[in-house]
Protein backbone atom coordinates (compact mmCIF):
# COMPACT_ATOMS: atom_id res chain seq x y z
CA MET A 1 -38.66 3.72 60.51
CA GLN A 2 -36.77 5.45 57.70
CA LEU A 3 -37.21 8.80 59.43
CA LEU A 4 -35.91 7.36 62.72
CA ASN A 5 -32.93 5.78 60.97
CA THR A 6 -32.14 9.06 59.22
CA ILE A 7 -32.09 10.94 62.52
CA LEU A 8 -29.90 8.29 64.14
CA ILE A 9 -27.45 8.34 61.21
CA GLY A 10 -27.23 12.12 61.53
CA ILE A 11 -26.67 11.98 65.29
CA THR A 12 -23.84 9.47 64.92
CA ALA A 13 -22.07 11.42 62.18
CA GLY A 14 -22.71 14.64 64.08
CA SER A 15 -21.06 13.22 67.19
CA ILE A 16 -17.82 12.64 65.29
CA TYR A 17 -18.03 16.08 63.64
CA SER A 18 -18.52 17.54 67.13
CA LEU A 19 -15.34 15.93 68.42
CA MET A 20 -13.30 17.52 65.63
CA ALA A 21 -15.13 20.83 66.11
CA ILE A 22 -14.22 20.71 69.81
CA ALA A 23 -10.55 20.40 68.81
CA PHE A 24 -10.85 23.49 66.60
CA VAL A 25 -12.55 25.43 69.39
CA LEU A 26 -9.90 24.46 71.95
CA VAL A 27 -7.07 25.82 69.80
CA TRP A 28 -9.05 28.94 68.90
CA ARG A 29 -10.01 29.69 72.50
CA SER A 30 -6.45 29.31 73.77
CA THR A 31 -4.41 30.86 70.94
CA ARG A 32 -6.85 32.49 68.45
CA VAL A 33 -5.47 30.26 65.66
CA VAL A 34 -7.50 28.12 63.24
CA ASN A 35 -5.59 24.84 63.10
CA PHE A 36 -6.12 23.24 59.69
CA ALA A 37 -3.51 20.61 60.57
CA GLN A 38 -6.00 19.12 63.03
CA ALA A 39 -7.01 16.33 60.64
CA GLY A 40 -3.36 15.37 60.13
CA MET A 41 -2.87 15.25 63.89
CA ALA A 42 -5.98 13.08 64.22
CA LEU A 43 -4.62 10.77 61.51
CA LEU A 44 -1.25 10.49 63.24
CA SER A 45 -3.01 9.74 66.55
CA THR A 46 -4.99 7.00 64.81
CA TYR A 47 -1.74 5.39 63.68
CA ILE A 48 -0.44 5.61 67.24
CA GLY A 49 -3.66 3.93 68.39
CA TYR A 50 -3.17 1.23 65.78
CA GLU A 51 0.31 0.50 67.10
CA ALA A 52 -1.09 0.28 70.64
CA VAL A 53 -3.83 -2.13 69.52
CA THR A 54 -1.23 -4.27 67.76
CA ARG A 55 1.00 -4.47 70.82
CA PHE A 56 -1.55 -4.67 73.63
CA GLY A 57 -4.55 -6.16 71.84
CA SER A 58 -7.01 -3.82 73.55
CA PHE A 59 -8.94 -0.87 72.13
CA TRP A 60 -9.41 0.58 75.62
CA ILE A 61 -5.65 0.79 76.07
CA ALA A 62 -5.14 2.11 72.54
CA LEU A 63 -7.62 4.99 72.92
CA PRO A 64 -5.87 6.74 75.85
CA VAL A 65 -2.48 6.01 74.25
CA ALA A 66 -3.69 7.70 71.05
CA MET A 67 -5.02 10.64 73.08
CA LEU A 68 -1.69 10.98 74.90
CA GLY A 69 0.21 10.76 71.61
CA GLY A 70 -2.04 13.36 70.00
CA ALA A 71 -1.67 15.67 72.99
CA LEU A 72 2.15 15.39 73.03
CA PHE A 73 2.45 15.95 69.29
CA ALA A 74 0.14 18.97 69.36
CA ALA A 75 2.10 20.41 72.28
CA LEU A 76 5.36 19.99 70.34
CA VAL A 77 3.83 21.73 67.32
CA GLU A 78 2.86 24.68 69.48
CA VAL A 79 6.28 24.91 71.16
CA ILE A 80 8.48 24.30 68.11
CA LEU A 81 6.47 25.91 65.33
CA MET A 82 3.53 28.07 66.37
CA ARG A 83 5.17 29.88 69.27
CA LEU A 84 8.15 30.97 67.20
CA LEU A 85 5.96 31.81 64.22
CA VAL A 86 3.60 33.99 66.24
CA LYS A 87 6.56 35.72 67.89
CA HIS A 88 8.40 36.55 64.66
CA ALA A 89 5.30 37.36 62.61
CA SER A 90 3.52 39.39 65.28
CA THR A 91 4.47 42.71 63.71
CA GLY A 92 4.55 41.78 60.03
CA PRO A 93 1.87 42.36 57.39
CA ILE A 94 0.85 38.70 57.41
CA ALA A 95 0.66 38.32 61.18
CA ALA A 96 -3.01 37.25 61.08
CA VAL A 97 -2.67 34.61 58.36
CA ALA A 98 0.86 33.27 58.93
CA PRO A 99 -0.20 30.66 61.55
CA ILE A 100 -3.07 29.48 59.33
CA ILE A 101 -0.76 29.07 56.33
CA ALA A 102 1.69 27.19 58.54
CA THR A 103 -0.99 24.72 59.67
CA LEU A 104 -1.94 24.01 56.05
CA GLY A 105 1.68 23.21 55.24
CA LEU A 106 1.96 21.12 58.40
CA LEU A 107 -1.05 19.06 57.30
CA GLY A 108 0.74 17.98 54.11
CA LEU A 109 3.98 17.34 56.00
CA ILE A 110 2.26 15.06 58.51
CA ARG A 111 0.65 12.99 55.77
CA SER A 112 4.00 12.62 53.99
CA VAL A 113 5.82 11.53 57.15
CA ILE A 114 3.06 9.01 57.93
CA ALA A 115 3.40 7.52 54.43
CA MET A 116 7.18 7.25 54.88
CA ILE A 117 6.88 5.45 58.24
CA TRP A 118 3.84 3.20 57.77
CA GLY A 119 3.56 3.07 53.98
CA GLY A 120 0.49 3.78 51.91
CA GLN A 121 -1.41 0.53 52.45
CA ASP A 122 -4.68 0.29 54.37
CA LEU A 123 -4.51 -0.61 58.06
CA ARG A 124 -7.45 -1.55 60.25
CA ILE A 125 -8.73 -0.98 63.79
CA LEU A 126 -11.64 -3.11 64.95
CA PRO A 127 -14.41 -1.43 67.02
CA PRO A 128 -14.52 -2.21 70.76
CA VAL A 129 -18.25 -3.05 70.74
CA SER A 130 -20.71 -4.35 68.20
CA ASN A 131 -21.73 -2.17 65.26
CA MET A 132 -24.86 -4.23 64.66
CA GLY A 133 -27.96 -2.08 65.03
CA PHE A 134 -30.41 -2.36 67.89
CA THR A 135 -33.73 -4.09 67.16
CA LEU A 136 -37.01 -2.21 67.65
CA ASN A 137 -40.35 -3.93 67.02
CA GLY A 138 -38.67 -6.50 64.82
CA GLU A 139 -36.88 -3.85 62.77
CA THR A 140 -33.10 -3.38 62.88
CA LEU A 141 -32.01 0.21 63.44
CA VAL A 142 -28.78 1.73 62.13
CA PHE A 143 -28.06 2.85 65.70
CA SER A 144 -25.69 0.34 67.30
CA PRO A 145 -23.80 -0.03 70.62
CA LEU A 146 -20.77 1.51 68.89
CA LYS A 147 -22.71 4.58 67.80
CA LEU A 148 -24.19 4.92 71.30
CA LEU A 149 -20.65 4.78 72.71
CA ILE A 150 -19.51 7.53 70.32
CA LEU A 151 -22.43 9.73 71.36
CA ILE A 152 -21.83 9.20 75.08
CA ILE A 153 -18.08 9.91 74.85
CA THR A 154 -18.75 13.10 72.86
CA LEU A 155 -21.18 14.41 75.47
CA VAL A 156 -18.92 13.46 78.38
CA LEU A 157 -15.90 15.09 76.76
CA MET A 158 -17.87 18.26 76.06
CA ALA A 159 -19.13 18.39 79.66
CA LEU A 160 -15.65 17.92 81.14
CA LEU A 161 -14.08 20.56 78.93
CA SER A 162 -16.92 23.00 79.64
CA LEU A 163 -16.33 22.54 83.36
CA LEU A 164 -12.62 23.10 82.81
CA PHE A 165 -13.16 26.38 80.95
CA GLN A 166 -16.00 27.74 83.04
CA ARG A 167 -15.33 26.51 86.58
CA THR A 168 -11.56 26.34 87.05
CA ASN A 169 -8.69 28.81 87.30
CA LEU A 170 -6.95 26.90 84.51
CA GLY A 171 -9.90 27.52 82.20
CA LEU A 172 -9.86 31.21 83.09
CA SER A 173 -6.14 31.31 82.32
CA LEU A 174 -6.75 29.65 78.93
CA ARG A 175 -9.31 32.26 77.98
CA ALA A 176 -7.30 35.17 79.33
CA SER A 177 -4.14 34.06 77.51
CA ALA A 178 -6.00 34.07 74.22
CA TYR A 179 -7.75 37.42 74.59
CA ALA A 180 -5.17 39.49 76.47
CA PRO A 181 -1.76 37.77 76.67
CA GLU A 182 0.18 40.79 77.90
CA ILE A 183 -2.28 41.55 80.71
CA SER A 184 -2.28 37.85 81.60
CA ARG A 185 1.52 37.87 81.91
CA LEU A 186 1.33 40.89 84.21
CA SER A 187 -1.20 38.95 86.30
CA GLY A 188 1.23 36.09 86.76
CA VAL A 189 -0.15 33.69 84.14
CA HIS A 190 2.40 31.58 82.27
CA VAL A 191 0.91 32.36 78.87
CA ASP A 192 3.22 30.17 76.80
CA LEU A 193 2.59 27.13 78.99
CA ILE A 194 -1.16 27.73 79.00
CA ARG A 195 -1.28 28.00 75.21
CA THR A 196 0.68 24.77 74.90
CA LEU A 197 -1.86 23.10 77.17
CA GLY A 198 -4.68 24.34 74.95
CA TRP A 199 -3.06 22.73 71.92
CA ALA A 200 -2.49 19.51 73.88
CA LEU A 201 -6.17 19.30 74.83
CA ALA A 202 -7.11 19.84 71.18
CA GLY A 203 -4.72 17.08 70.12
CA ALA A 204 -6.35 14.66 72.56
CA ALA A 205 -9.86 15.56 71.37
CA GLY A 206 -8.79 15.20 67.74
CA ALA A 207 -7.35 11.75 68.52
CA VAL A 208 -10.75 10.59 69.78
CA ALA A 209 -12.38 11.95 66.62
CA GLY A 210 -9.85 10.17 64.40
CA ILE A 211 -10.21 6.82 66.17
CA PHE A 212 -14.00 6.88 66.09
CA GLN A 213 -14.13 8.14 62.51
CA THR A 214 -12.14 5.03 61.62
CA VAL A 215 -14.04 2.40 63.60
CA ASN A 216 -17.44 3.91 62.70
CA GLY A 217 -16.69 3.10 59.06
CA ASN A 218 -15.15 -0.13 57.89
CA GLY A 219 -12.19 0.26 60.22
CA ASN A 220 -9.68 0.82 57.41
CA PHE A 221 -7.49 3.90 57.13
CA SER A 222 -4.42 5.10 55.22
CA PRO A 223 -2.45 8.35 54.75
CA ASP A 224 -4.77 9.26 51.86
CA SER A 225 -8.05 8.35 53.56
CA ILE A 226 -10.80 10.62 52.26
CA GLU A 227 -12.59 10.21 55.58
CA PHE A 228 -10.05 12.41 57.35
CA ALA A 229 -10.33 15.14 54.71
CA LEU A 230 -14.11 15.07 55.19
CA LEU A 231 -13.60 15.10 58.95
CA LEU A 232 -11.47 18.25 58.64
CA VAL A 233 -14.03 20.08 56.52
CA SER A 234 -17.04 18.93 58.53
CA GLY A 235 -15.38 19.65 61.88
CA PHE A 236 -14.35 23.16 60.85
CA ILE A 237 -17.79 23.96 59.44
CA ALA A 238 -19.45 22.58 62.59
CA ALA A 239 -17.21 24.78 64.76
CA VAL A 240 -18.05 27.90 62.74
CA ILE A 241 -21.77 27.07 62.71
CA GLY A 242 -21.83 26.62 66.48
CA GLY A 243 -19.49 29.50 67.25
CA LEU A 244 -15.71 29.21 67.46
CA ASP A 245 -15.71 30.37 71.09
CA SER A 246 -18.22 27.81 72.38
CA LEU A 247 -17.69 24.14 73.21
CA LEU A 248 -21.45 23.69 73.45
CA GLY A 249 -21.74 25.41 70.07
CA ALA A 250 -19.25 22.92 68.62
CA VAL A 251 -21.46 20.02 69.71
CA ILE A 252 -24.67 21.70 68.52
CA GLY A 253 -23.04 22.63 65.21
CA GLY A 254 -21.78 19.09 64.69
CA MET A 255 -25.15 17.51 65.48
CA PHE A 256 -27.01 20.01 63.30
CA LEU A 257 -24.64 19.44 60.40
CA GLY A 258 -24.80 15.66 60.72
CA ILE A 259 -28.60 15.54 60.82
CA VAL A 260 -29.06 17.93 57.88
CA ILE A 261 -26.57 16.00 55.74
CA ALA A 262 -28.30 12.71 56.60
CA PHE A 263 -31.71 14.07 55.53
CA VAL A 264 -30.31 15.41 52.27
CA LEU A 265 -28.55 12.13 51.45
CA ILE A 266 -31.55 9.94 52.13
CA TYR A 267 -34.44 12.13 50.98
CA VAL A 268 -32.85 14.27 48.24
CA ASN A 269 -29.67 13.07 46.49
CA THR A 270 -26.45 11.42 47.63
CA SER A 271 -24.43 13.45 45.13
CA LEU A 272 -25.03 16.56 47.28
CA PHE A 273 -22.86 15.24 50.12
CA PHE A 274 -19.91 17.55 49.36
CA ILE A 275 -22.04 20.62 48.65
CA VAL A 276 -24.49 20.64 51.56
CA PRO A 277 -22.01 21.53 54.36
CA PHE A 278 -20.83 24.64 52.49
CA ILE A 279 -24.39 25.71 51.72
CA ILE A 280 -25.25 25.37 55.42
CA LEU A 281 -22.14 27.37 56.32
CA LEU A 282 -23.05 30.21 53.94
CA ILE A 283 -26.63 30.38 55.25
CA VAL A 284 -25.48 30.51 58.88
CA LEU A 285 -22.86 33.16 58.10
CA PHE A 286 -25.48 35.33 56.42
CA ILE A 287 -28.01 34.95 59.24
CA ARG A 288 -25.75 34.76 62.29
CA PRO A 289 -22.05 35.32 61.50
CA GLN A 290 -20.93 34.69 65.08
CA GLY A 291 -22.46 31.21 65.06
CA ILE A 292 -25.42 29.70 66.89
CA ILE A 293 -23.90 30.08 70.38
CA GLY A 294 -21.17 32.62 69.61
CA ALA A 295 -21.39 36.06 71.19
CA ARG A 296 -21.71 39.11 68.97
CA ALA A 297 -18.62 41.32 69.09
CA GLY A 298 -19.11 44.57 70.90
CA ARG A 299 -18.71 47.89 69.11
CA ARG A 300 -15.56 49.80 69.88
CA ALA A 301 -15.33 53.56 70.09
């Protein structure tokens, strides 16, 4: 029973890590930028969801509202900040790292603005379904209807986005705009608009991660919530483990990370919680730098 509970804990945590990893992958695949402000965007979307819950009294209205808010904010960030930054820094010596540095600064700015608007006190969002574990042979599992819901939404979101990237012209445009923007423009693709759409999709996925990270815990959150910092680290590591170019890799990386962390916490030592993800990352980078699903870069002449 302890083994089963450990696996279920890991799957639940891994589902949330996968959602954040998907957001990282979406931005990377559309613009080749690692967005470290993703956790701040997820936090802001959670506050938008809280306002929707307060006004409408329904989680199922608040979730799409939070996704829409996250998508719009991410799109604005791409249009106002990232597009201009990439344009002006494209020929400078820091062209490769300037967008990353900007996202780190944006993360702090978002947290500060949230604290100014909503204050620093804890707010709460109640889960839409019960978080009481299922019963099996008279034993109560840690796996609950809420955790099942999180797992299902993660898999559905991954499937829909995979279909978008692999089976539609829009997905082809997203990939082409990231890898060869100039050729894409010559082919008639509106590269700037496509990149903005990629950021918007990432903002929506991050909003789902932020909402479920909140309700999967005690429901409380604040501008300084440690849960969102952990979500940022875990989501990024999961994306790298799975392969930054693969949505399936993001899900596999998140699940793998969640299960390994759960086993270490329960069977080894809880104090290793902050160390284990980085150890896993180093091991994967040594063995397979491109990630579990990532494709190895071809050699150029």
